[in-house]
Amino acid sequence: MGIRAAVWRVAPPREVRLTLNAIDAFLRQVGGPGGGVVRDSARQLAKEAERTVVSIRTEGMDPNDLALLLVSNAAGEMIRSGEHHVHRAKLSMLGTDLLRVFTAAVERRRELNYQSADEAADDVRWVQERVAEAG
């Protein structure tokens, strides 16, 4: 581990702190058990300081956009895994709530013009296909 990585573990850079705060704020708004399950996973992704800093400083991503993207990625991965299905193509109660969190994050990204309506529709269609395949 490099010196920067060690320092960032103790004192995360501003970009990480902003992204973590945005994740928490969004998940407080959407609530539900799915939000609680996604929170730890999305926060862990944001704590990968090097990637978070590059996304924000170099690629110009807004911390709120990154937070929503990480939430949707975490929720989508959990849904895709099949772990939250009661049988093929049928989500459990928690899986249904994870889908709600995923959809809310994608919709918020669209509302804030971080992605187009077509991209949002593609994301929702992708996760719906994963639901149909898994379980």
N, C-alpha and C. Protein backbone atom coordinates (compact mmCIF):
# COMPACT_ATOMS: atom_id res chain seq x y z
N MET A 1 0.84 -1.17 0.00
CA MET A 1 0.00 0.00 0.00
C MET A 1 0.89 1.24 0.00
N GLY A 2 0.60 2.18 -0.87
CA GLY A 2 1.38 3.41 -0.96
C GLY A 2 1.04 4.38 0.16
N ILE A 3 1.85 5.39 0.27
CA ILE A 3 1.66 6.39 1.32
C ILE A 3 0.32 7.10 1.14
N ARG A 4 0.00 7.48 -0.11
CA ARG A 4 -1.27 8.18 -0.36
C ARG A 4 -2.45 7.31 0.05
N ALA A 5 -2.43 6.04 -0.32
CA ALA A 5 -3.53 5.14 0.03
C ALA A 5 -3.67 5.02 1.55
N ALA A 6 -2.54 4.96 2.26
CA ALA A 6 -2.57 4.85 3.72
C ALA A 6 -3.17 6.12 4.34
N VAL A 7 -2.77 7.27 3.82
CA VAL A 7 -3.30 8.54 4.33
C VAL A 7 -4.79 8.64 4.02
N TRP A 8 -5.19 8.27 2.80
CA TRP A 8 -6.59 8.35 2.42
C TRP A 8 -7.48 7.40 3.22
N ARG A 9 -6.91 6.32 3.74
CA ARG A 9 -7.68 5.43 4.61
C ARG A 9 -8.05 6.13 5.90
N VAL A 10 -7.13 6.90 6.43
CA VAL A 10 -7.34 7.61 7.69
C VAL A 10 -8.11 8.90 7.47
N ALA A 11 -7.75 9.62 6.44
CA ALA A 11 -8.37 10.91 6.13
C ALA A 11 -8.78 10.91 4.66
N PRO A 12 -9.98 10.39 4.37
CA PRO A 12 -10.42 10.30 2.97
C PRO A 12 -10.45 11.67 2.30
N PRO A 13 -10.13 11.71 1.01
CA PRO A 13 -10.18 12.98 0.28
C PRO A 13 -11.61 13.53 0.21
N ARG A 14 -11.69 14.79 -0.06
CA ARG A 14 -12.97 15.48 -0.13
C ARG A 14 -13.96 14.78 -1.07
N GLU A 15 -13.47 14.30 -2.20
CA GLU A 15 -14.33 13.64 -3.19
C GLU A 15 -15.01 12.41 -2.60
N VAL A 16 -14.27 11.65 -1.81
CA VAL A 16 -14.84 10.46 -1.17
C VAL A 16 -15.89 10.88 -0.15
N ARG A 17 -15.56 11.86 0.66
CA ARG A 17 -16.52 12.32 1.69
C ARG A 17 -17.81 12.83 1.05
N LEU A 18 -17.69 13.62 -0.03
CA LEU A 18 -18.88 14.13 -0.71
C LEU A 18 -19.72 13.00 -1.29
N THR A 19 -19.06 12.01 -1.87
CA THR A 19 -19.78 10.88 -2.46
C THR A 19 -20.46 10.05 -1.38
N LEU A 20 -19.78 9.79 -0.27
CA LEU A 20 -20.38 9.05 0.84
C LEU A 20 -21.60 9.79 1.38
N ASN A 21 -21.49 11.10 1.54
CA ASN A 21 -22.63 11.88 2.03
C ASN A 21 -23.80 11.82 1.05
N ALA A 22 -23.51 11.86 -0.23
CA ALA A 22 -24.57 11.80 -1.24
C ALA A 22 -25.25 10.42 -1.25
N ILE A 23 -24.47 9.37 -1.06
CA ILE A 23 -25.05 8.02 -0.97
C ILE A 23 -26.01 7.95 0.21
N ASP A 24 -25.53 8.40 1.36
CA ASP A 24 -26.37 8.35 2.57
C ASP A 24 -27.64 9.18 2.41
N ALA A 25 -27.51 10.39 1.84
CA ALA A 25 -28.68 11.26 1.67
C ALA A 25 -29.71 10.62 0.75
N PHE A 26 -29.26 10.06 -0.37
CA PHE A 26 -30.19 9.42 -1.31
C PHE A 26 -30.88 8.23 -0.66
N LEU A 27 -30.12 7.39 0.02
CA LEU A 27 -30.71 6.19 0.61
C LEU A 27 -31.63 6.52 1.78
N ARG A 28 -31.39 7.62 2.48
CA ARG A 28 -32.34 8.07 3.51
C ARG A 28 -33.65 8.46 2.86
N GLN A 29 -33.58 9.08 1.69
CA GLN A 29 -34.79 9.51 0.98
C GLN A 29 -35.60 8.31 0.50
N VAL A 30 -34.94 7.32 -0.08
CA VAL A 30 -35.68 6.19 -0.65
C VAL A 30 -36.06 5.19 0.42
N GLY A 31 -35.30 5.12 1.51
CA GLY A 31 -35.64 4.25 2.64
C GLY A 31 -35.80 2.79 2.28
N GLY A 32 -36.48 2.06 3.14
CA GLY A 32 -36.76 0.66 2.92
C GLY A 32 -35.58 -0.26 3.19
N PRO A 33 -35.88 -1.54 3.30
CA PRO A 33 -34.81 -2.52 3.57
C PRO A 33 -33.78 -2.61 2.44
N GLY A 34 -34.19 -2.39 1.22
CA GLY A 34 -33.26 -2.44 0.09
C GLY A 34 -32.19 -1.37 0.21
N GLY A 35 -32.57 -0.18 0.66
CA GLY A 35 -31.62 0.90 0.84
C GLY A 35 -30.56 0.54 1.88
N GLY A 36 -31.00 -0.11 2.95
CA GLY A 36 -30.06 -0.52 3.99
C GLY A 36 -29.07 -1.56 3.50
N VAL A 37 -29.54 -2.47 2.69
CA VAL A 37 -28.67 -3.52 2.15
C VAL A 37 -27.66 -2.94 1.16
N VAL A 38 -28.11 -2.02 0.34
CA VAL A 38 -27.26 -1.43 -0.70
C VAL A 38 -26.23 -0.48 -0.10
N ARG A 39 -26.56 0.15 1.00
CA ARG A 39 -25.72 1.20 1.59
C ARG A 39 -24.28 0.75 1.78
N ASP A 40 -24.06 -0.36 2.45
CA ASP A 40 -22.69 -0.81 2.73
C ASP A 40 -21.91 -1.08 1.46
N SER A 41 -22.55 -1.71 0.50
CA SER A 41 -21.88 -2.04 -0.76
C SER A 41 -21.52 -0.77 -1.53
N ALA A 42 -22.45 0.17 -1.64
CA ALA A 42 -22.19 1.41 -2.38
C ALA A 42 -21.12 2.24 -1.67
N ARG A 43 -21.17 2.28 -0.35
CA ARG A 43 -20.15 3.03 0.40
C ARG A 43 -18.78 2.39 0.23
N GLN A 44 -18.72 1.09 0.19
CA GLN A 44 -17.43 0.42 0.00
C GLN A 44 -16.84 0.78 -1.37
N LEU A 45 -17.68 0.84 -2.38
CA LEU A 45 -17.22 1.25 -3.70
C LEU A 45 -16.70 2.68 -3.68
N ALA A 46 -17.40 3.56 -2.99
CA ALA A 46 -16.98 4.97 -2.92
C ALA A 46 -15.67 5.12 -2.16
N LYS A 47 -15.42 4.23 -1.21
CA LYS A 47 -14.19 4.31 -0.42
C LYS A 47 -12.95 3.87 -1.18
N GLU A 48 -13.13 3.36 -2.39
CA GLU A 48 -11.99 3.09 -3.26
C GLU A 48 -11.52 4.45 -3.75
N ALA A 49 -10.76 5.12 -2.87
CA ALA A 49 -10.44 6.54 -3.02
C ALA A 49 -9.83 6.88 -4.37
N GLU A 50 -8.89 6.07 -4.83
CA GLU A 50 -8.22 6.37 -6.10
C GLU A 50 -9.24 6.47 -7.23
N ARG A 51 -10.15 5.49 -7.30
CA ARG A 51 -11.15 5.49 -8.37
C ARG A 51 -12.13 6.65 -8.22
N THR A 52 -12.53 6.92 -6.98
CA THR A 52 -13.48 8.00 -6.73
C THR A 52 -12.86 9.34 -7.11
N VAL A 53 -11.62 9.56 -6.72
CA VAL A 53 -10.93 10.81 -7.03
C VAL A 53 -10.78 10.97 -8.54
N VAL A 54 -10.41 9.92 -9.24
CA VAL A 54 -10.26 9.99 -10.70
C VAL A 54 -11.61 10.31 -11.34
N SER A 55 -12.65 9.65 -10.89
CA SER A 55 -13.98 9.89 -11.47
C SER A 55 -14.40 11.35 -11.34
N ILE A 56 -14.09 11.94 -10.19
CA ILE A 56 -14.55 13.30 -9.94
C ILE A 56 -13.56 14.34 -10.47
N ARG A 57 -12.28 14.20 -10.12
CA ARG A 57 -11.30 15.22 -10.52
C ARG A 57 -10.96 15.14 -12.00
N THR A 58 -10.67 13.94 -12.48
CA THR A 58 -10.17 13.78 -13.85
C THR A 58 -11.31 13.71 -14.87
N GLU A 59 -12.32 12.90 -14.55
CA GLU A 59 -13.41 12.71 -15.50
C GLU A 59 -14.52 13.75 -15.35
N GLY A 60 -14.44 14.57 -14.30
CA GLY A 60 -15.40 15.65 -14.12
C GLY A 60 -16.78 15.22 -13.65
N MET A 61 -16.87 14.05 -13.06
CA MET A 61 -18.16 13.55 -12.59
C MET A 61 -18.58 14.30 -11.32
N ASP A 62 -19.84 14.59 -11.19
CA ASP A 62 -20.37 15.22 -9.99
C ASP A 62 -20.47 14.15 -8.88
N PRO A 63 -20.14 14.47 -7.63
CA PRO A 63 -20.24 13.48 -6.55
C PRO A 63 -21.63 12.88 -6.40
N ASN A 64 -22.67 13.69 -6.65
CA ASN A 64 -24.04 13.16 -6.58
C ASN A 64 -24.29 12.13 -7.68
N ASP A 65 -23.79 12.41 -8.87
CA ASP A 65 -23.92 11.47 -9.98
C ASP A 65 -23.19 10.18 -9.65
N LEU A 66 -21.97 10.29 -9.15
CA LEU A 66 -21.20 9.10 -8.79
C LEU A 66 -21.92 8.31 -7.71
N ALA A 67 -22.47 8.99 -6.72
CA ALA A 67 -23.20 8.31 -5.65
C ALA A 67 -24.38 7.52 -6.21
N LEU A 68 -25.16 8.15 -7.08
CA LEU A 68 -26.31 7.46 -7.68
C LEU A 68 -25.87 6.29 -8.55
N LEU A 69 -24.78 6.47 -9.28
CA LEU A 69 -24.25 5.40 -10.11
C LEU A 69 -23.81 4.21 -9.24
N LEU A 70 -23.12 4.50 -8.14
CA LEU A 70 -22.67 3.43 -7.25
C LEU A 70 -23.84 2.71 -6.60
N VAL A 71 -24.87 3.45 -6.22
CA VAL A 71 -26.07 2.83 -5.64
C VAL A 71 -26.74 1.93 -6.67
N SER A 72 -26.90 2.43 -7.90
CA SER A 72 -27.56 1.61 -8.93
C SER A 72 -26.70 0.39 -9.28
N ASN A 73 -25.39 0.56 -9.33
CA ASN A 73 -24.51 -0.59 -9.61
C ASN A 73 -24.59 -1.63 -8.51
N ALA A 74 -24.57 -1.19 -7.26
CA ALA A 74 -24.63 -2.13 -6.14
C ALA A 74 -25.97 -2.86 -6.13
N ALA A 75 -27.06 -2.11 -6.28
CA ALA A 75 -28.39 -2.74 -6.29
C ALA A 75 -28.54 -3.67 -7.49
N GLY A 76 -28.08 -3.24 -8.65
CA GLY A 76 -28.17 -4.07 -9.85
C GLY A 76 -27.39 -5.36 -9.71
N GLU A 77 -26.22 -5.29 -9.12
CA GLU A 77 -25.41 -6.50 -8.92
C GLU A 77 -26.10 -7.46 -7.95
N MET A 78 -26.70 -6.92 -6.91
CA MET A 78 -27.41 -7.78 -5.95
C MET A 78 -28.61 -8.46 -6.61
N ILE A 79 -29.31 -7.73 -7.43
CA ILE A 79 -30.46 -8.30 -8.14
C ILE A 79 -29.99 -9.36 -9.14
N ARG A 80 -28.94 -9.03 -9.88
CA ARG A 80 -28.42 -9.93 -10.90
C ARG A 80 -27.92 -11.24 -10.32
N SER A 81 -27.47 -11.22 -9.10
CA SER A 81 -26.87 -12.41 -8.48
C SER A 81 -27.83 -13.58 -8.35
N GLY A 82 -29.12 -13.29 -8.31
CA GLY A 82 -30.10 -14.36 -8.12
C GLY A 82 -30.33 -14.67 -6.65
N GLU A 83 -29.56 -14.07 -5.79
CA GLU A 83 -29.66 -14.33 -4.35
C GLU A 83 -30.98 -13.82 -3.76
N HIS A 84 -31.59 -12.86 -4.42
CA HIS A 84 -32.81 -12.26 -3.89
C HIS A 84 -34.04 -12.63 -4.73
N HIS A 85 -34.02 -13.87 -5.24
CA HIS A 85 -35.15 -14.41 -5.99
C HIS A 85 -35.80 -15.53 -5.16
N VAL A 86 -37.10 -15.67 -5.29
CA VAL A 86 -37.76 -16.82 -4.66
C VAL A 86 -37.79 -18.00 -5.63
N HIS A 87 -37.82 -17.71 -6.90
CA HIS A 87 -37.62 -18.69 -7.97
C HIS A 87 -37.34 -17.93 -9.24
N ARG A 88 -37.07 -18.64 -10.30
CA ARG A 88 -36.65 -18.00 -11.55
C ARG A 88 -37.62 -16.89 -11.95
N ALA A 89 -37.06 -15.72 -12.21
CA ALA A 89 -37.79 -14.54 -12.68
C ALA A 89 -38.73 -13.96 -11.63
N LYS A 90 -38.63 -14.39 -10.37
CA LYS A 90 -39.50 -13.87 -9.32
C LYS A 90 -38.65 -13.42 -8.13
N LEU A 91 -38.64 -12.11 -7.89
CA LEU A 91 -37.86 -11.55 -6.80
C LEU A 91 -38.53 -11.78 -5.45
N SER A 92 -37.72 -11.92 -4.43
CA SER A 92 -38.22 -11.98 -3.06
C SER A 92 -38.69 -10.58 -2.66
N MET A 93 -39.20 -10.44 -1.45
CA MET A 93 -39.62 -9.11 -0.99
C MET A 93 -38.42 -8.16 -0.95
N LEU A 94 -37.28 -8.65 -0.46
CA LEU A 94 -36.09 -7.81 -0.44
C LEU A 94 -35.62 -7.52 -1.86
N GLY A 95 -35.68 -8.51 -2.74
CA GLY A 95 -35.30 -8.31 -4.14
C GLY A 95 -36.17 -7.26 -4.80
N THR A 96 -37.45 -7.28 -4.51
CA THR A 96 -38.37 -6.28 -5.05
C THR A 96 -37.99 -4.89 -4.56
N ASP A 97 -37.60 -4.80 -3.28
CA ASP A 97 -37.20 -3.50 -2.76
C ASP A 97 -35.86 -3.06 -3.35
N LEU A 98 -34.96 -4.00 -3.59
CA LEU A 98 -33.70 -3.66 -4.26
C LEU A 98 -33.97 -3.11 -5.66
N LEU A 99 -34.92 -3.70 -6.35
CA LEU A 99 -35.31 -3.20 -7.68
C LEU A 99 -35.87 -1.78 -7.58
N ARG A 100 -36.64 -1.52 -6.53
CA ARG A 100 -37.18 -0.17 -6.31
C ARG A 100 -36.04 0.84 -6.10
N VAL A 101 -35.04 0.46 -5.30
CA VAL A 101 -33.89 1.34 -5.05
C VAL A 101 -33.12 1.56 -6.35
N PHE A 102 -32.89 0.49 -7.10
CA PHE A 102 -32.20 0.60 -8.39
C PHE A 102 -32.93 1.57 -9.31
N THR A 103 -34.23 1.37 -9.45
CA THR A 103 -35.03 2.20 -10.35
C THR A 103 -35.04 3.66 -9.88
N ALA A 104 -35.12 3.87 -8.57
CA ALA A 104 -35.10 5.24 -8.04
C ALA A 104 -33.78 5.93 -8.35
N ALA A 105 -32.67 5.21 -8.22
CA ALA A 105 -31.36 5.80 -8.51
C ALA A 105 -31.23 6.13 -10.00
N VAL A 106 -31.67 5.23 -10.85
CA VAL A 106 -31.61 5.47 -12.30
C VAL A 106 -32.51 6.65 -12.68
N GLU A 107 -33.69 6.67 -12.10
CA GLU A 107 -34.63 7.77 -12.39
C GLU A 107 -34.07 9.11 -11.91
N ARG A 108 -33.45 9.12 -10.74
CA ARG A 108 -32.88 10.38 -10.23
C ARG A 108 -31.75 10.86 -11.13
N ARG A 109 -30.93 9.92 -11.63
CA ARG A 109 -29.86 10.30 -12.57
C ARG A 109 -30.46 10.93 -13.83
N ARG A 110 -31.58 10.38 -14.28
CA ARG A 110 -32.24 10.94 -15.46
C ARG A 110 -32.81 12.32 -15.16
N GLU A 111 -33.47 12.47 -14.00
CA GLU A 111 -34.05 13.75 -13.61
C GLU A 111 -33.00 14.85 -13.52
N LEU A 112 -31.82 14.49 -13.05
CA LEU A 112 -30.74 15.47 -12.87
C LEU A 112 -29.88 15.63 -14.13
N ASN A 113 -30.32 14.99 -15.22
CA ASN A 113 -29.62 15.06 -16.52
C ASN A 113 -28.21 14.49 -16.48
N TYR A 114 -27.99 13.52 -15.62
CA TYR A 114 -26.71 12.81 -15.61
C TYR A 114 -26.71 11.72 -16.68
N GLN A 115 -27.90 11.32 -17.09
CA GLN A 115 -28.04 10.37 -18.19
C GLN A 115 -29.33 10.66 -18.93
N SER A 116 -29.38 10.22 -20.17
CA SER A 116 -30.56 10.47 -21.00
C SER A 116 -31.69 9.51 -20.64
N ALA A 117 -32.87 9.83 -21.13
CA ALA A 117 -34.02 8.95 -20.91
C ALA A 117 -33.78 7.59 -21.56
N ASP A 118 -33.13 7.58 -22.72
CA ASP A 118 -32.83 6.31 -23.40
C ASP A 118 -31.85 5.46 -22.58
N GLU A 119 -30.82 6.11 -22.03
CA GLU A 119 -29.85 5.38 -21.21
C GLU A 119 -30.52 4.82 -19.95
N ALA A 120 -31.40 5.61 -19.35
CA ALA A 120 -32.12 5.15 -18.16
C ALA A 120 -33.00 3.95 -18.51
N ALA A 121 -33.69 4.04 -19.63
CA ALA A 121 -34.55 2.93 -20.05
C ALA A 121 -33.71 1.67 -20.32
N ASP A 122 -32.54 1.85 -20.93
CA ASP A 122 -31.64 0.71 -21.17
C ASP A 122 -31.19 0.07 -19.86
N ASP A 123 -30.88 0.90 -18.86
CA ASP A 123 -30.46 0.37 -17.56
C ASP A 123 -31.57 -0.44 -16.91
N VAL A 124 -32.79 0.09 -16.94
CA VAL A 124 -33.92 -0.62 -16.34
C VAL A 124 -34.20 -1.91 -17.11
N ARG A 125 -34.14 -1.85 -18.42
CA ARG A 125 -34.36 -3.04 -19.24
C ARG A 125 -33.30 -4.10 -18.94
N TRP A 126 -32.03 -3.67 -18.78
CA TRP A 126 -30.94 -4.59 -18.47
C TRP A 126 -31.22 -5.33 -17.17
N VAL A 127 -31.63 -4.61 -16.12
CA VAL A 127 -31.86 -5.27 -14.84
C VAL A 127 -33.09 -6.18 -14.91
N GLN A 128 -34.10 -5.78 -15.65
CA GLN A 128 -35.28 -6.63 -15.82
C GLN A 128 -34.93 -7.93 -16.54
N GLU A 129 -34.03 -7.86 -17.51
CA GLU A 129 -33.55 -9.08 -18.19
C GLU A 129 -32.79 -9.96 -17.23
N ARG A 130 -32.00 -9.37 -16.33
CA ARG A 130 -31.24 -10.15 -15.34
C ARG A 130 -32.20 -10.83 -14.37
N VAL A 131 -33.28 -10.15 -14.01
CA VAL A 131 -34.28 -10.75 -13.13
C VAL A 131 -34.90 -11.98 -13.82
N ALA A 132 -35.22 -11.85 -15.09
CA ALA A 132 -35.82 -12.94 -15.83
C ALA A 132 -34.89 -14.15 -15.96
N GLU A 133 -33.58 -13.89 -16.01
CA GLU A 133 -32.59 -14.97 -16.20
C GLU A 133 -32.19 -15.64 -14.90
N ALA A 134 -32.22 -14.91 -13.81
CA ALA A 134 -31.64 -15.42 -12.55
C ALA A 134 -32.71 -16.05 -11.66
N GLY A 135 -32.23 -16.73 -10.65
CA GLY A 135 -33.11 -17.31 -9.64
C GLY A 135 -33.09 -18.79 -9.64
